[in-house]
Amino acid sequence: MALAAQATESELYPPVLGANPAHPGGWPVRVIVSSQTEARHNRAVWAPTHLISIRAPATRLLSMIELPPERHLELFFGDATDPDAPDAARAEAVEATFAFIDRLPADAHLLIHCLRGIGRSTALTLGVLARYMSPEQAAAALHALRPEAKPNRHVVNLCDTVLGLKGKLAKQALRFPAKVWKG
């Protein structure tokens, strides 16, 4: 990660959207999606102003970025794809995420992570992006942010439902993982 140490702020958090009148604070959607290990190892370089940590119930978050509670949303659900699983995500987690996003200031640099940075965090990021762009554009933007994404289907379905997208976001999630994104 020597290259990461040389990256400028604009390279680390390129806005997925520029000016964003759809967001209450005008936040232009600056986000990094990663694994817990990547987040820990790159915390000084990435220096997020806000953090969303997703972890399974009864697990510990090891030496993570120190942020005040109002800047760190911790969500507790597993990578279950069965909505009836005891540790499956619930709609309340998606709603809490959207409420947290609505409070971000325009200059926020958001880091979203789960254990591996592949399933839960990418699914939630896809939902966040779909609040500000079409499901197709959100999927393309997620692929640009995290090409190895394999969004958790259950979390995507929750986002789809909360956003009222009638399966359009879930349909886009089926396109992952993809080495090359075909628009």
C-alpha atoms as a PDB file:
ATOM      1  CA  MET A   1       0.000   0.000   0.000  1.00  0.00           C
ATOM      2  CA  ALA A   2       2.921   2.375  -0.585  1.00  0.00           C
ATOM      3  CA  LEU A   3       0.908   3.994  -3.336  1.00  0.00           C
ATOM      4  CA  ALA A   4      -1.889   4.768  -0.904  1.00  0.00           C
ATOM      5  CA  ALA A   5       0.531   6.762   1.222  1.00  0.00           C
ATOM      6  CA  GLN A   6       1.314   8.992  -1.753  1.00  0.00           C
ATOM      7  CA  ALA A   7      -2.293   9.556  -2.809  1.00  0.00           C
ATOM      8  CA  THR A   8      -3.859  12.968  -2.355  1.00  0.00           C
ATOM      9  CA  GLU A   9      -7.181  13.546  -0.640  1.00  0.00           C
ATOM     10  CA  SER A  10      -8.952  14.027  -3.975  1.00  0.00           C
ATOM     11  CA  GLU A  11      -7.581  10.701  -5.232  1.00  0.00           C
ATOM     12  CA  LEU A  12      -8.565   8.852  -2.056  1.00  0.00           C
ATOM     13  CA  TYR A  13     -12.104  10.185  -1.906  1.00  0.00           C
ATOM     14  CA  PRO A  14     -13.057  11.139  -5.429  1.00  0.00           C
ATOM     15  CA  PRO A  15     -16.669  12.268  -5.303  1.00  0.00           C
ATOM     16  CA  VAL A  16     -18.956   9.707  -6.904  1.00  0.00           C
ATOM     17  CA  LEU A  17     -21.280  12.681  -7.386  1.00  0.00           C
ATOM     18  CA  GLY A  18     -20.287  16.326  -7.556  1.00  0.00           C
ATOM     19  CA  ALA A  19     -22.695  18.893  -6.149  1.00  0.00           C
ATOM     20  CA  ASN A  20     -25.545  16.907  -4.659  1.00  0.00           C
ATOM     21  CA  PRO A  21     -28.748  18.883  -4.107  1.00  0.00           C
ATOM     22  CA  ALA A  22     -30.542  15.633  -3.170  1.00  0.00           C
ATOM     23  CA  HIS A  23     -28.546  15.385   0.069  1.00  0.00           C
ATOM     24  CA  PRO A  24     -29.643  17.588   2.997  1.00  0.00           C
ATOM     25  CA  GLY A  25     -26.061  18.818   3.527  1.00  0.00           C
ATOM     26  CA  GLY A  26     -25.013  18.751  -0.126  1.00  0.00           C
ATOM     27  CA  TRP A  27     -22.648  15.833   0.531  1.00  0.00           C
ATOM     28  CA  PRO A  28     -21.135  14.887  -2.812  1.00  0.00           C
ATOM     29  CA  VAL A  29     -20.774  11.177  -1.907  1.00  0.00           C
ATOM     30  CA  ARG A  30     -17.096  10.734  -1.079  1.00  0.00           C
ATOM     31  CA  VAL A  31     -16.672   7.149   0.054  1.00  0.00           C
ATOM     32  CA  ILE A  32     -14.183   4.312   0.386  1.00  0.00           C
ATOM     33  CA  VAL A  33     -15.395   0.726   0.841  1.00  0.00           C
ATOM     34  CA  SER A  34     -13.005  -1.721   2.467  1.00  0.00           C
ATOM     35  CA  SER A  35     -12.400  -4.683   4.696  1.00  0.00           C
ATOM     36  CA  GLN A  36     -11.804  -4.240   8.421  1.00  0.00           C
ATOM     37  CA  THR A  37      -8.121  -5.069   7.945  1.00  0.00           C
ATOM     38  CA  GLU A  38      -7.707  -2.521   5.134  1.00  0.00           C
ATOM     39  CA  ALA A  39      -9.470   0.093   7.250  1.00  0.00           C
ATOM     40  CA  ARG A  40      -7.141  -0.549  10.203  1.00  0.00           C
ATOM     41  CA  HIS A  41      -3.978  -0.568   8.100  1.00  0.00           C
ATOM     42  CA  ASN A  42      -4.877   2.552   6.110  1.00  0.00           C
ATOM     43  CA  ARG A  43      -6.619   4.578   8.794  1.00  0.00           C
ATOM     44  CA  ALA A  44      -3.917   7.266   8.951  1.00  0.00           C
ATOM     45  CA  VAL A  45      -3.671   7.635   5.179  1.00  0.00           C
ATOM     46  CA  TRP A  46      -7.397   7.496   4.520  1.00  0.00           C
ATOM     47  CA  ALA A  47      -8.269   9.668   7.550  1.00  0.00           C
ATOM     48  CA  PRO A  48     -12.037   9.324   7.234  1.00  0.00           C
ATOM     49  CA  THR A  49     -14.185  11.937   8.898  1.00  0.00           C
ATOM     50  CA  HIS A  50     -17.052   9.439   9.246  1.00  0.00           C
ATOM     51  CA  LEU A  51     -17.183   5.670   9.553  1.00  0.00           C
ATOM     52  CA  ILE A  52     -19.767   2.912   9.151  1.00  0.00           C
ATOM     53  CA  SER A  53     -18.636  -0.392  10.673  1.00  0.00           C
ATOM     54  CA  ILE A  54     -20.624  -3.542   9.966  1.00  0.00           C
ATOM     55  CA  ARG A  55     -19.867  -6.558  12.079  1.00  0.00           C
ATOM     56  CA  ALA A  56     -21.530  -9.738  13.177  1.00  0.00           C
ATOM     57  CA  PRO A  57     -23.184  -9.747  16.586  1.00  0.00           C
ATOM     58  CA  ALA A  58     -20.872 -10.687  19.482  1.00  0.00           C
ATOM     59  CA  THR A  59     -17.689  -9.832  17.556  1.00  0.00           C
ATOM     60  CA  ARG A  60     -15.111  -7.195  18.426  1.00  0.00           C
ATOM     61  CA  LEU A  61     -13.910  -4.299  16.352  1.00  0.00           C
ATOM     62  CA  LEU A  62     -10.138  -4.398  16.624  1.00  0.00           C
ATOM     63  CA  SER A  63      -8.193  -1.113  16.958  1.00  0.00           C
ATOM     64  CA  MET A  64     -10.368   0.802  14.574  1.00  0.00           C
ATOM     65  CA  ILE A  65     -10.322   4.484  13.712  1.00  0.00           C
ATOM     66  CA  GLU A  66     -11.084   6.644  16.734  1.00  0.00           C
ATOM     67  CA  LEU A  67     -14.051   8.875  15.972  1.00  0.00           C
ATOM     68  CA  PRO A  68     -16.709  10.350  18.247  1.00  0.00           C
ATOM     69  CA  PRO A  69     -19.946   8.308  18.348  1.00  0.00           C
ATOM     70  CA  GLU A  70     -21.840  10.834  16.227  1.00  0.00           C
ATOM     71  CA  ARG A  71     -19.348  10.161  13.413  1.00  0.00           C
ATOM     72  CA  HIS A  72     -19.219   6.362  13.744  1.00  0.00           C
ATOM     73  CA  LEU A  73     -22.245   4.207  13.006  1.00  0.00           C
ATOM     74  CA  GLU A  74     -21.842   0.630  14.191  1.00  0.00           C
ATOM     75  CA  LEU A  75     -24.204  -1.923  12.675  1.00  0.00           C
ATOM     76  CA  PHE A  76     -24.493  -5.468  13.980  1.00  0.00           C
ATOM     77  CA  PHE A  77     -25.558  -8.134  11.506  1.00  0.00           C
ATOM     78  CA  GLY A  78     -23.957 -11.124   9.867  1.00  0.00           C
ATOM     79  CA  ASP A  79     -23.427 -11.937   6.203  1.00  0.00           C
ATOM     80  CA  ALA A  80     -26.561 -14.094   6.128  1.00  0.00           C
ATOM     81  CA  THR A  81     -28.535 -14.133   2.899  1.00  0.00           C
ATOM     82  CA  ASP A  82     -31.509 -15.862   4.518  1.00  0.00           C
ATOM     83  CA  PRO A  83     -33.756 -13.110   5.935  1.00  0.00           C
ATOM     84  CA  ASP A  84     -34.911 -15.485   8.684  1.00  0.00           C
ATOM     85  CA  ALA A  85     -31.397 -16.177   9.970  1.00  0.00           C
ATOM     86  CA  PRO A  86     -30.929 -14.894  13.526  1.00  0.00           C
ATOM     87  CA  ASP A  87     -28.024 -12.629  12.526  1.00  0.00           C
ATOM     88  CA  ALA A  88     -29.541 -11.395   9.240  1.00  0.00           C
ATOM     89  CA  ALA A  89     -29.712  -7.668   8.583  1.00  0.00           C
ATOM     90  CA  ARG A  90     -32.987  -5.905   9.300  1.00  0.00           C
ATOM     91  CA  ALA A  91     -34.599  -2.904   7.629  1.00  0.00           C
ATOM     92  CA  GLU A  92     -33.723  -0.843  10.735  1.00  0.00           C
ATOM     93  CA  ALA A  93     -30.016  -1.129   9.844  1.00  0.00           C
ATOM     94  CA  VAL A  94     -30.659   0.322   6.387  1.00  0.00           C
ATOM     95  CA  GLU A  95     -32.845   3.078   7.836  1.00  0.00           C
ATOM     96  CA  ALA A  96     -30.162   3.909  10.448  1.00  0.00           C
ATOM     97  CA  THR A  97     -27.577   4.080   7.662  1.00  0.00           C
ATOM     98  CA  PHE A  98     -29.687   6.457   5.589  1.00  0.00           C
ATOM     99  CA  ALA A  99     -30.328   8.655   8.655  1.00  0.00           C
ATOM    100  CA  PHE A 100     -26.562   8.716   9.347  1.00  0.00           C
ATOM    101  CA  ILE A 101     -25.860   9.625   5.695  1.00  0.00           C
ATOM    102  CA  ASP A 102     -28.429  12.441   5.865  1.00  0.00           C
ATOM    103  CA  ARG A 103     -26.430  14.052   8.703  1.00  0.00           C
ATOM    104  CA  LEU A 104     -23.106  14.072   6.812  1.00  0.00           C
ATOM    105  CA  PRO A 105     -21.649  17.503   6.105  1.00  0.00           C
ATOM    106  CA  ALA A 106     -20.632  18.434   2.559  1.00  0.00           C
ATOM    107  CA  ASP A 107     -16.940  17.835   3.336  1.00  0.00           C
ATOM    108  CA  ALA A 108     -17.448  14.323   4.797  1.00  0.00           C
ATOM    109  CA  HIS A 109     -15.098  11.501   3.832  1.00  0.00           C
ATOM    110  CA  LEU A 110     -16.934   8.283   4.583  1.00  0.00           C
ATOM    111  CA  LEU A 111     -15.367   4.871   5.073  1.00  0.00           C
ATOM    112  CA  ILE A 112     -17.736   1.888   5.035  1.00  0.00           C
ATOM    113  CA  HIS A 113     -16.306  -1.465   6.051  1.00  0.00           C
ATOM    114  CA  CYS A 114     -17.284  -4.962   7.025  1.00  0.00           C
ATOM    115  CA  LEU A 115     -15.006  -7.884   7.783  1.00  0.00           C
ATOM    116  CA  ARG A 116     -13.977  -8.667   4.200  1.00  0.00           C
ATOM    117  CA  GLY A 117     -15.227  -5.551   2.375  1.00  0.00           C
ATOM    118  CA  ILE A 118     -16.998  -7.668  -0.213  1.00  0.00           C
ATOM    119  CA  GLY A 119     -20.588  -8.428   0.857  1.00  0.00           C
ATOM    120  CA  ARG A 120     -22.286  -6.361   3.540  1.00  0.00           C
ATOM    121  CA  SER A 121     -20.375  -3.107   3.074  1.00  0.00           C
ATOM    122  CA  THR A 122     -20.723  -3.174  -0.708  1.00  0.00           C
ATOM    123  CA  ALA A 123     -24.455  -3.932  -0.451  1.00  0.00           C
ATOM    124  CA  LEU A 124     -24.991  -1.018   1.917  1.00  0.00           C
ATOM    125  CA  THR A 125     -22.879   1.246  -0.283  1.00  0.00           C
ATOM    126  CA  LEU A 126     -24.956   0.229  -3.297  1.00  0.00           C
ATOM    127  CA  GLY A 127     -28.066   1.270  -1.358  1.00  0.00           C
ATOM    128  CA  VAL A 128     -26.513   4.602  -0.373  1.00  0.00           C
ATOM    129  CA  LEU A 129     -25.544   5.319  -3.972  1.00  0.00           C
ATOM    130  CA  ALA A 130     -29.007   4.356  -5.226  1.00  0.00           C
ATOM    131  CA  ARG A 131     -30.488   7.166  -3.140  1.00  0.00           C
ATOM    132  CA  TYR A 132     -28.784   9.672  -5.454  1.00  0.00           C
ATOM    133  CA  MET A 133     -28.620   7.954  -8.836  1.00  0.00           C
ATOM    134  CA  SER A 134     -30.368   5.257 -10.818  1.00  0.00           C
ATOM    135  CA  PRO A 135     -29.772   1.628  -9.809  1.00  0.00           C
ATOM    136  CA  GLU A 136     -27.727   1.156 -12.999  1.00  0.00           C
ATOM    137  CA  GLN A 137     -25.523   4.159 -12.250  1.00  0.00           C
ATOM    138  CA  ALA A 138     -25.202   3.096  -8.595  1.00  0.00           C
ATOM    139  CA  ALA A 139     -24.000  -0.368  -9.639  1.00  0.00           C
ATOM    140  CA  ALA A 140     -21.455   1.097 -12.063  1.00  0.00           C
ATOM    141  CA  ALA A 141     -20.221   3.505  -9.372  1.00  0.00           C
ATOM    142  CA  LEU A 142     -19.894   0.669  -6.845  1.00  0.00           C
ATOM    143  CA  HIS A 143     -17.905  -1.381  -9.341  1.00  0.00           C
ATOM    144  CA  ALA A 144     -15.568   1.596  -9.829  1.00  0.00           C
ATOM    145  CA  LEU A 145     -15.146   1.880  -6.039  1.00  0.00           C
ATOM    146  CA  ARG A 146     -14.799  -1.841  -5.301  1.00  0.00           C
ATOM    147  CA  PRO A 147     -14.440  -4.045  -8.404  1.00  0.00           C
ATOM    148  CA  GLU A 148     -14.337  -7.231  -6.316  1.00  0.00           C
ATOM    149  CA  ALA A 149     -17.738  -6.441  -4.778  1.00  0.00           C
ATOM    150  CA  LYS A 150     -20.209  -9.234  -4.264  1.00  0.00           C
ATOM    151  CA  PRO A 151     -23.067  -7.389  -2.537  1.00  0.00           C
ATOM    152  CA  ASN A 152     -24.985  -9.391   0.052  1.00  0.00           C
ATOM    153  CA  ARG A 153     -28.285 -10.118  -1.708  1.00  0.00           C
ATOM    154  CA  HIS A 154     -30.374  -9.835   1.451  1.00  0.00           C
ATOM    155  CA  VAL A 155     -28.955  -6.407   2.360  1.00  0.00           C
ATOM    156  CA  VAL A 156     -29.491  -5.240  -1.232  1.00  0.00           C
ATOM    157  CA  ASN A 157     -33.099  -6.450  -1.067  1.00  0.00           C
ATOM    158  CA  LEU A 158     -33.602  -4.462   2.139  1.00  0.00           C
ATOM    159  CA  CYS A 159     -32.159  -1.333   0.499  1.00  0.00           C
ATOM    160  CA  ASP A 160     -34.316  -1.952  -2.579  1.00  0.00           C
ATOM    161  CA  THR A 161     -37.436  -2.190  -0.408  1.00  0.00           C
ATOM    162  CA  VAL A 162     -36.624   0.840   1.761  1.00  0.00           C
ATOM    163  CA  LEU A 163     -35.925   2.896  -1.380  1.00  0.00           C
ATOM    164  CA  GLY A 164     -39.070   1.630  -3.139  1.00  0.00           C
ATOM    165  CA  LEU A 165     -37.107   0.497  -6.198  1.00  0.00           C
ATOM    166  CA  LYS A 166     -39.300  -2.573  -6.867  1.00  0.00           C
ATOM    167  CA  GLY A 167     -36.431  -4.985  -7.520  1.00  0.00           C
ATOM    168  CA  LYS A 168     -34.349  -2.701  -9.765  1.00  0.00           C
ATOM    169  CA  LEU A 169     -31.453  -2.510  -7.307  1.00  0.00           C
ATOM    170  CA  ALA A 170     -31.578  -6.255  -6.618  1.00  0.00           C
ATOM    171  CA  LYS A 171     -31.408  -6.871 -10.368  1.00  0.00           C
ATOM    172  CA  GLN A 172     -28.231  -4.762 -10.622  1.00  0.00           C
ATOM    173  CA  ALA A 173     -26.650  -6.602  -7.685  1.00  0.00           C
ATOM    174  CA  LEU A 174     -26.901  -9.834  -9.662  1.00  0.00           C
ATOM    175  CA  ARG A 175     -24.282  -8.413 -12.058  1.00  0.00           C
ATOM    176  CA  PHE A 176     -21.577  -8.712  -9.370  1.00  0.00           C
ATOM    177  CA  PRO A 177     -18.833  -9.791  -9.177  1.00  0.00           C
ATOM    178  CA  ALA A 178     -17.591  -8.559 -12.547  1.00  0.00           C
ATOM    179  CA  LYS A 179     -14.012  -8.076 -13.696  1.00  0.00           C
ATOM    180  CA  VAL A 180     -15.122  -5.562 -16.307  1.00  0.00           C
ATOM    181  CA  TRP A 181     -18.241  -3.455 -15.944  1.00  0.00           C
ATOM    182  CA  LYS A 182     -20.426  -3.382 -19.026  1.00  0.00           C
ATOM    183  CA  GLY A 183     -22.790  -0.414 -18.861  1.00  0.00           C
END
